[in-house]
N, C-alpha and C. Protein backbone atom coordinates (compact mmCIF):
# COMPACT_ATOMS: atom_id res chain seq x y z
N MET A 1 127.66 20.50 117.13
CA MET A 1 128.14 20.05 115.84
C MET A 1 128.72 21.19 115.10
N ASN A 2 129.87 20.88 114.65
CA ASN A 2 130.72 21.90 113.98
C ASN A 2 130.15 22.08 112.45
N GLN A 3 130.49 23.15 111.81
CA GLN A 3 130.00 23.43 110.51
C GLN A 3 130.25 22.41 109.41
N GLU A 4 131.58 21.87 109.53
CA GLU A 4 131.99 20.77 108.59
C GLU A 4 131.04 19.62 108.67
N SER A 5 130.78 19.03 109.84
CA SER A 5 129.97 17.90 110.07
C SER A 5 128.40 18.32 109.67
N ALA A 6 128.03 19.41 109.81
CA ALA A 6 126.59 19.74 109.56
C ALA A 6 126.52 19.88 108.06
N GLN A 7 127.52 20.15 107.32
CA GLN A 7 127.56 20.31 105.83
C GLN A 7 127.62 18.85 105.31
N SER A 8 128.35 18.02 106.11
CA SER A 8 128.43 16.55 105.66
C SER A 8 127.07 15.89 105.76
N LEU A 9 126.47 16.18 106.92
CA LEU A 9 125.09 15.66 107.06
C LEU A 9 124.16 16.14 105.99
N GLU A 10 124.27 17.39 105.66
CA GLU A 10 123.31 17.97 104.62
C GLU A 10 123.61 17.25 103.30
N THR A 11 124.85 17.04 103.00
CA THR A 11 125.31 16.39 101.77
C THR A 11 124.72 14.95 101.78
N GLN A 12 124.89 14.25 102.85
CA GLN A 12 124.43 12.91 103.02
C GLN A 12 122.90 12.86 102.74
N LEU A 13 122.17 13.82 103.43
CA LEU A 13 120.79 13.92 103.33
C LEU A 13 120.32 14.12 101.94
N ALA A 14 121.06 15.05 101.32
CA ALA A 14 120.64 15.34 99.97
C ALA A 14 120.89 14.19 98.95
N ASP A 15 121.95 13.47 99.25
CA ASP A 15 122.24 12.28 98.43
C ASP A 15 121.21 11.09 98.62
N ALA A 16 120.88 11.09 100.00
CA ALA A 16 119.84 10.02 100.34
C ALA A 16 118.51 10.36 99.68
N LYS A 17 118.15 11.56 99.73
CA LYS A 17 116.90 12.06 99.09
C LYS A 17 116.91 11.87 97.73
N ALA A 18 117.99 12.11 96.98
CA ALA A 18 118.10 11.86 95.58
C ALA A 18 118.03 10.31 95.19
N ALA A 19 118.72 9.57 96.05
CA ALA A 19 118.64 8.13 95.89
C ALA A 19 117.16 7.48 95.88
N LEU A 20 116.59 7.94 96.95
CA LEU A 20 115.14 7.59 97.05
C LEU A 20 114.27 8.17 95.90
N SER A 21 114.57 9.31 95.56
CA SER A 21 113.79 9.83 94.43
C SER A 21 113.93 8.99 93.11
N GLN A 22 115.19 8.63 92.98
CA GLN A 22 115.56 7.68 91.73
C GLN A 22 114.88 6.40 91.89
N TRP A 23 114.91 5.83 93.16
CA TRP A 23 114.32 4.49 93.28
C TRP A 23 112.80 4.56 93.00
N GLU A 24 112.10 5.68 93.55
CA GLU A 24 110.74 5.93 93.31
C GLU A 24 110.39 6.01 91.85
N GLU A 25 111.24 6.71 91.08
CA GLU A 25 110.99 6.81 89.71
C GLU A 25 111.11 5.54 88.89
N ARG A 26 112.12 4.65 89.41
CA ARG A 26 112.27 3.47 88.80
C ARG A 26 111.08 2.46 89.20
N ASP A 27 110.62 2.66 90.51
CA ASP A 27 109.49 1.80 90.94
C ASP A 27 108.25 1.96 90.14
N LEU A 28 108.10 3.07 89.58
CA LEU A 28 106.91 3.42 88.79
C LEU A 28 106.88 2.82 87.41
N ILE A 29 108.15 2.56 86.92
CA ILE A 29 108.13 2.06 85.59
C ILE A 29 108.62 0.63 85.41
N ARG A 30 109.21 0.04 86.60
CA ARG A 30 109.84 -1.26 86.38
C ARG A 30 108.70 -2.31 86.28
N GLU A 31 109.04 -3.37 85.63
CA GLU A 31 108.21 -4.41 85.51
C GLU A 31 108.47 -5.38 86.78
N ASP A 32 107.42 -6.18 87.16
CA ASP A 32 107.67 -7.11 88.13
C ASP A 32 108.62 -8.14 87.76
N GLY A 33 109.38 -8.74 88.66
CA GLY A 33 110.48 -9.60 88.52
C GLY A 33 109.92 -10.99 89.26
N GLY A 34 110.96 -11.72 89.54
CA GLY A 34 110.76 -12.79 90.42
C GLY A 34 110.54 -12.35 91.86
N MET A 35 110.07 -13.35 92.66
CA MET A 35 109.87 -13.02 94.09
C MET A 35 110.96 -12.36 94.75
N VAL A 36 112.23 -13.04 94.53
CA VAL A 36 113.50 -12.63 95.20
C VAL A 36 113.81 -11.23 94.71
N GLN A 37 113.73 -10.96 93.38
CA GLN A 37 113.97 -9.68 92.78
C GLN A 37 113.15 -8.62 93.38
N ASP A 38 111.77 -8.86 93.40
CA ASP A 38 110.84 -7.90 93.91
C ASP A 38 111.20 -7.55 95.41
N ARG A 39 111.40 -8.65 96.14
CA ARG A 39 111.72 -8.45 97.53
C ARG A 39 112.99 -7.49 97.79
N ARG A 40 114.05 -7.82 96.79
CA ARG A 40 115.26 -6.97 97.06
C ARG A 40 114.94 -5.55 96.70
N HIS A 41 114.13 -5.29 95.71
CA HIS A 41 113.76 -4.08 95.30
C HIS A 41 113.03 -3.24 96.42
N GLU A 42 112.00 -3.92 96.92
CA GLU A 42 111.25 -3.31 98.15
C GLU A 42 112.12 -3.03 99.35
N GLU A 43 113.00 -3.92 99.64
CA GLU A 43 113.89 -3.75 100.68
C GLU A 43 114.82 -2.63 100.48
N ARG A 44 115.38 -2.40 99.25
CA ARG A 44 116.18 -1.16 99.02
C ARG A 44 115.29 0.15 99.16
N GLY A 45 114.04 0.06 98.79
CA GLY A 45 113.24 1.35 98.96
C GLY A 45 113.12 1.51 100.47
N GLU A 46 112.85 0.60 101.24
CA GLU A 46 112.62 0.74 102.64
C GLU A 46 113.98 1.22 103.31
N GLN A 47 115.13 0.71 102.76
CA GLN A 47 116.46 1.18 103.33
C GLN A 47 116.61 2.61 103.06
N LEU A 48 116.37 3.03 101.94
CA LEU A 48 116.40 4.35 101.56
C LEU A 48 115.54 5.30 102.37
N ARG A 49 114.41 4.84 102.58
CA ARG A 49 113.36 5.64 103.38
C ARG A 49 113.86 5.79 104.78
N ARG A 50 114.44 4.74 105.42
CA ARG A 50 114.96 4.92 106.75
C ARG A 50 116.10 5.71 106.71
N GLN A 51 117.01 5.68 105.80
CA GLN A 51 118.23 6.49 105.75
C GLN A 51 117.73 8.01 105.72
N VAL A 52 116.85 8.21 104.84
CA VAL A 52 116.39 9.69 104.79
C VAL A 52 115.73 10.15 106.25
N VAL A 53 114.87 9.34 106.80
CA VAL A 53 114.39 9.53 108.15
C VAL A 53 115.53 9.93 109.07
N ARG A 54 116.40 8.92 109.11
CA ARG A 54 117.59 8.98 110.15
C ARG A 54 118.37 10.26 110.01
N LEU A 55 118.78 10.61 108.73
CA LEU A 55 119.54 11.74 108.50
C LEU A 55 118.76 12.93 108.81
N SER A 56 117.48 13.02 108.50
CA SER A 56 116.53 14.22 108.76
C SER A 56 116.43 14.47 110.30
N ARG A 57 116.69 13.60 111.12
CA ARG A 57 116.44 13.65 112.53
C ARG A 57 117.75 14.05 113.22
N MET A 58 118.86 14.16 112.52
CA MET A 58 120.20 14.54 113.06
C MET A 58 120.40 15.90 113.13
């Protein structure tokens, strides 16, 4: 892996971690919505977690 792609992965991982952190902060204060809205919210959290794990392994 060249240095440019390593920096790109580091940037992507930092961005993914920041997005997950923001999601977690919102999750603590958000009020429950409808079933569909809650499901979308949880799916987004899972998507962000998977992205962080995937980028961490690269």
